[in-house]
C-alpha cells in the first residue's frame, strides 16, 4: 500500500493526474472479484472523492469500468455483462476525461474552501463529500456572521482568480506530521501504518495531507458558487458548493 502502489498495481493516477490513457497488463480477471492491472490511472476513490469511470480496450473489445474495490489488491469493477480481458493480455486503459476533470476541479475547490474557512474562521473540517461539479464540506463552526455565505463565496473566488499553484509532494510520515496545521480534520485520518504522506499545497493558502487528484492551479477550478450553508447540530455548519461552468 502507499502513494505509488496498491497491492500489485502501480498507481499512475497519483504520479500524473492528467494521464487519461496508458498500456497495461491484466494480472487477474474474475467476474465476482473484478480485474487487477499491473498499472492503473483509475483513481480508486477515497477521502470523499468518488472512483473514476472508464474503459479497457483489448483485441477490438471494450470492457467498461464502473467502480473499484480496495483490498489487498486494487480491483476494477466491470459493467455487468461486459467481457473480461484474458489474464496476461495487454490492454489499453482509458479514464473518462470529463468526469475525472470535473472531480479534480471540485476537489481543489473544496481545498480552497477549507483553506479560506481555516484561515479566516479557524474552523476544522468534520466531514465532506463530492460528486463531479458539486460538493459539501462540514466545519466545526459554532458561530457564523449573517453574511457568511456571501463572504465565503467572494473569498473562495478571489483565491481561484489568484491562480495559486497546487503542488503535490510525498514526505516521510514524521516530517509530514511536523508541518503546522497539516491535519485539517478534527480527527487524524492518516492510517497509523502509513510511512509516507502525500501533501497537497495550494501555495500561500492551504497545506494538508490528501490522497486525491487535483488541478495544477486554482485558476483551473473555475467560478465556485456557495449554494447553501446549513446547520447540522449545535456547532456543525455544512457548506454546499458547485462549479458554475
Protein backbone atom coordinates (compact mmCIF):
# COMPACT_ATOMS: atom_id res chain seq x y z
CA UNK A 1 0.00 0.00 0.00
CA UNK A 2 1.07 3.62 -0.29
CA UNK A 3 1.28 6.51 -2.66
CA UNK A 4 2.93 4.56 -5.52
CA UNK A 5 1.40 1.07 -5.28
CA UNK A 6 -1.75 -0.64 -4.08
CA UNK A 7 -1.07 -4.35 -3.88
CA UNK A 8 0.27 -5.43 -7.27
CA UNK A 9 -0.89 -2.28 -9.06
CA UNK A 10 1.40 0.67 -9.74
CA UNK A 11 -0.74 3.78 -9.28
CA UNK A 12 -0.33 6.14 -12.21
CA UNK A 13 -3.19 8.39 -11.11
CA UNK A 14 -1.22 9.99 -8.28
CA UNK A 15 2.00 10.31 -10.26
CA UNK A 16 0.27 12.16 -13.12
CA UNK A 17 -3.37 13.22 -12.63
CA UNK A 18 -3.50 14.44 -16.27
CA UNK A 19 -2.92 10.92 -17.64
CA UNK A 20 -6.01 9.57 -19.37
CA UNK A 21 -4.73 6.64 -21.47
CA UNK A 22 -2.00 4.02 -20.92
CA UNK A 23 -0.92 0.47 -21.72
CA UNK A 24 -1.01 -2.21 -19.03
CA UNK A 25 -1.14 -5.94 -18.38
CA UNK A 26 -4.02 -7.88 -16.83
CA UNK A 27 -2.87 -9.73 -13.70
CA UNK A 28 -6.24 -11.13 -12.60
CA UNK A 29 -9.74 -11.19 -14.05
CA UNK A 30 -12.72 -12.70 -12.30
CA UNK A 31 -16.45 -11.94 -12.76
CA UNK A 32 -17.00 -11.85 -8.99
CA UNK A 33 -13.84 -10.08 -7.78
CA UNK A 34 -13.03 -7.86 -10.74
CA UNK A 35 -9.88 -7.01 -12.70
CA UNK A 36 -6.37 -6.30 -11.42
CA UNK A 37 -3.88 -4.42 -13.64
CA UNK A 38 -0.14 -4.04 -13.23
CA UNK A 39 -0.51 -0.28 -13.85
CA UNK A 40 -3.62 1.85 -13.44
CA UNK A 41 -4.58 5.51 -13.72
CA UNK A 42 -8.10 4.88 -12.40
CA UNK A 43 -8.50 6.81 -9.15
CA UNK A 44 -9.96 4.18 -6.82
CA UNK A 45 -11.96 6.56 -4.61
CA UNK A 46 -11.26 7.79 -1.10
CA UNK A 47 -11.31 10.91 1.02
CA UNK A 48 -14.73 11.83 -0.33
CA UNK A 49 -13.63 11.66 -3.99
CA UNK A 50 -15.55 9.01 -5.97
CA UNK A 51 -13.75 6.47 -8.16
CA UNK A 52 -13.12 7.05 -11.84
CA UNK A 53 -15.08 5.51 -14.68
CA UNK A 54 -13.60 4.46 -18.00
CA UNK A 55 -12.82 1.52 -20.28
CA UNK A 56 -10.31 -1.22 -21.00
CA UNK A 57 -9.73 -1.83 -24.73
CA UNK A 58 -8.32 -5.15 -25.96
CA UNK A 59 -8.43 -7.11 -29.23
CA UNK A 60 -11.21 -4.92 -30.59
CA UNK A 61 -13.28 -5.45 -27.41
CA UNK A 62 -14.33 -2.88 -24.79
CA UNK A 63 -14.81 -3.50 -21.07
CA UNK A 64 -16.46 -0.65 -19.20
CA UNK A 65 -15.09 0.11 -15.71
CA UNK A 66 -17.77 1.45 -13.37
CA UNK A 67 -16.06 1.39 -9.97
CA UNK A 68 -13.35 -0.08 -7.78
CA UNK A 69 -12.98 -2.25 -4.71
CA UNK A 70 -9.96 -1.88 -2.47
CA UNK A 71 -8.44 -4.76 -0.54
CA UNK A 72 -5.04 -6.40 -0.71
CA UNK A 73 -5.28 -5.58 -4.42
CA UNK A 74 -6.96 -2.77 -6.34
CA UNK A 75 -9.93 -4.38 -8.08
CA UNK A 76 -11.58 -2.68 -11.06
CA UNK A 77 -15.29 -3.46 -11.34
CA UNK A 78 -16.53 -4.11 -14.90
CA UNK A 79 -20.01 -3.20 -16.04
CA UNK A 80 -22.46 -6.07 -15.71
CA UNK A 81 -22.35 -8.31 -18.76
CA UNK A 82 -19.15 -6.88 -20.22
CA UNK A 83 -16.45 -9.38 -21.21
CA UNK A 84 -13.29 -9.81 -19.13
CA UNK A 85 -9.86 -9.44 -20.75
CA UNK A 86 -7.70 -12.59 -20.52
CA UNK A 87 -5.08 -12.76 -17.77
CA UNK A 88 -1.68 -11.86 -19.22
CA UNK A 89 -3.10 -9.81 -22.07
CA UNK A 90 -2.02 -6.26 -22.85
CA UNK A 91 -4.88 -3.77 -22.73
CA UNK A 92 -5.30 -0.04 -23.11
CA UNK A 93 -6.85 1.70 -20.10
CA UNK A 94 -8.71 4.97 -20.58
CA UNK A 95 -10.20 7.20 -17.88
CA UNK A 96 -13.40 9.11 -18.67
CA UNK A 97 -11.92 12.58 -19.07
CA UNK A 98 -14.91 14.84 -18.35
CA UNK A 99 -15.81 13.08 -15.10
CA UNK A 100 -12.21 12.99 -13.80
CA UNK A 101 -11.53 16.61 -14.76
CA UNK A 102 -14.66 17.87 -13.02
CA UNK A 103 -13.79 15.83 -9.94
CA UNK A 104 -10.28 17.32 -9.90
CA UNK A 105 -11.71 20.85 -10.18
CA UNK A 106 -14.27 20.08 -7.48
CA UNK A 107 -11.70 18.55 -5.11
CA UNK A 108 -9.34 21.50 -5.49
CA UNK A 109 -12.31 23.81 -4.94
CA UNK A 110 -13.00 22.08 -1.63
CA UNK A 111 -9.38 22.62 -0.58
CA UNK A 112 -9.72 26.33 -1.37
CA UNK A 113 -12.91 26.43 0.72
CA UNK A 114 -11.15 24.60 3.54
CA UNK A 115 -8.17 26.97 3.38
CA UNK A 116 -10.35 30.07 3.47
CA UNK A 117 -12.51 28.86 6.37
CA UNK A 118 -9.46 27.75 8.37
CA UNK A 119 -7.58 30.99 7.70
CA UNK A 120 -10.44 33.39 8.38
CA UNK A 121 -12.54 31.46 10.91
CA UNK A 122 -10.15 28.90 12.44
CA UNK A 123 -12.59 26.05 11.84
CA UNK A 124 -11.62 22.39 11.32
CA UNK A 125 -13.34 20.03 8.90
CA UNK A 126 -15.75 17.45 10.33
CA UNK A 127 -16.80 15.78 7.06
CA UNK A 128 -17.18 16.15 3.34
CA UNK A 129 -18.25 14.54 0.11
CA UNK A 130 -18.21 15.34 -3.60
CA UNK A 131 -19.63 14.43 -6.97
CA UNK A 132 -18.49 15.87 -10.31
CA UNK A 133 -19.17 19.60 -10.12
CA UNK A 134 -20.74 19.76 -6.66
CA UNK A 135 -19.67 19.05 -3.10
CA UNK A 136 -20.20 19.70 0.58
CA UNK A 137 -17.85 20.30 3.47
CA UNK A 138 -18.76 20.36 7.16
CA UNK A 139 -16.96 22.57 9.68
CA UNK A 140 -16.82 22.85 13.44
CA UNK A 141 -18.07 26.42 13.46
CA UNK A 142 -20.44 27.31 16.31
CA UNK A 143 -20.94 30.95 15.29
CA UNK A 144 -21.19 32.41 11.80
CA UNK A 145 -21.86 36.02 10.77
CA UNK A 146 -25.07 36.89 8.97
CA UNK A 147 -23.23 37.43 5.67
CA UNK A 148 -21.17 34.23 5.95
CA UNK A 149 -22.49 32.64 2.73
CA UNK A 150 -21.76 35.68 0.56
CA UNK A 151 -18.39 36.31 2.21
CA UNK A 152 -17.23 32.74 1.74
CA UNK A 153 -18.21 32.76 -1.94
CA UNK A 154 -16.35 36.03 -2.51
CA UNK A 155 -13.25 34.83 -0.66
CA UNK A 156 -13.15 31.46 -2.43
CA UNK A 157 -13.47 33.02 -5.87
CA UNK A 158 -10.75 35.55 -5.03
CA UNK A 159 -8.40 32.61 -4.37
CA UNK A 160 -9.50 30.96 -7.61
CA UNK A 161 -8.77 34.18 -9.51
CA UNK A 162 -5.35 34.41 -7.83
CA UNK A 163 -4.42 31.24 -9.78
CA UNK A 164 -2.35 29.82 -6.94
CA UNK A 165 -0.16 26.84 -7.83
CA UNK A 166 -1.20 23.44 -6.49
CA UNK A 167 1.93 21.48 -5.57
CA UNK A 168 1.89 17.79 -4.61
CA UNK A 169 4.76 16.14 -2.73
CA UNK A 170 5.37 12.99 -0.72
CA UNK A 171 7.09 13.23 2.66
CA UNK A 172 8.16 10.72 5.31
CA UNK A 173 5.45 10.43 7.96
CA UNK A 174 7.45 12.11 10.74
CA UNK A 175 8.41 15.04 8.51
CA UNK A 176 4.84 15.47 7.23
CA UNK A 177 3.24 15.44 10.67
CA UNK A 178 5.74 18.06 11.83
CA UNK A 179 4.23 20.57 9.40
CA UNK A 180 1.98 23.07 11.22
CA UNK A 181 -1.78 22.53 10.86
CA UNK A 182 -1.23 19.69 8.35
CA UNK A 183 -4.33 17.88 9.67
CA UNK A 184 -7.40 19.98 8.84
CA UNK A 185 -9.92 17.44 10.07
CA UNK A 186 -10.97 17.07 13.71
CA UNK A 187 -9.55 13.54 13.76
CA UNK A 188 -6.31 12.35 12.17
CA UNK A 189 -7.35 10.18 9.20
CA UNK A 190 -3.83 9.14 8.15
CA UNK A 191 -3.53 5.35 8.66
CA UNK A 192 -1.15 4.62 11.57
CA UNK A 193 0.96 2.25 9.45
CA UNK A 194 1.39 4.69 6.54
CA UNK A 195 5.05 5.70 6.46
CA UNK A 196 4.75 8.20 3.59
CA UNK A 197 2.24 11.03 3.47
CA UNK A 198 1.07 12.80 0.34
CA UNK A 199 0.84 16.56 0.81
CA UNK A 200 -1.28 18.90 -1.34
CA UNK A 201 -0.14 22.51 -1.10
CA UNK A 202 -2.21 25.35 -2.52
CA UNK A 203 0.72 27.70 -2.31
CA UNK A 204 0.09 30.55 0.09
CA UNK A 205 -3.33 29.32 1.22
CA UNK A 206 -3.67 25.67 2.26
CA UNK A 207 -1.33 22.77 3.05
CA UNK A 208 -2.77 19.42 4.09
CA UNK A 209 -2.44 15.66 3.82
CA UNK A 210 -4.56 14.37 0.96
CA UNK A 211 -4.75 11.36 -1.34
CA UNK A 212 -6.89 12.70 -4.19
CA UNK A 213 -6.34 14.20 -7.63
CA UNK A 214 -6.12 17.95 -8.20
CA UNK A 215 -5.75 20.61 -10.88
CA UNK A 216 -2.39 22.34 -11.41
CA UNK A 217 -3.53 25.74 -10.15
CA UNK A 218 -6.65 27.30 -8.64
CA UNK A 219 -7.43 29.13 -11.88
CA UNK A 220 -8.41 25.78 -13.40
CA UNK A 221 -11.20 25.35 -10.84
CA UNK A 222 -13.44 27.96 -12.43
CA UNK A 223 -16.07 30.01 -10.67
CA UNK A 224 -17.48 28.49 -7.48
CA UNK A 225 -20.98 29.13 -6.14
CA UNK A 226 -21.80 28.64 -2.47
CA UNK A 227 -25.25 27.09 -2.81
CA UNK A 228 -26.25 26.81 0.83
CA UNK A 229 -24.96 26.98 4.40
CA UNK A 230 -26.82 24.65 6.76
CA UNK A 231 -26.72 23.99 10.49
CA UNK A 232 -26.09 20.32 11.26
CA UNK A 233 -26.02 20.40 15.04
CA UNK A 234 -25.01 22.94 17.65
CA UNK A 235 -21.51 23.57 16.29
CA UNK A 236 -21.56 21.96 12.84
CA UNK A 237 -22.04 24.00 9.66
CA UNK A 238 -22.42 22.38 6.24
CA UNK A 239 -21.28 24.42 3.23
CA UNK A 240 -22.51 23.24 -0.17
CA UNK A 241 -20.70 24.40 -3.30
CA UNK A 242 -20.91 23.80 -7.03
CA UNK A 243 -18.93 24.73 -10.10
CA UNK A 244 -20.72 27.33 -12.17
CA UNK A 245 -19.26 26.28 -15.54
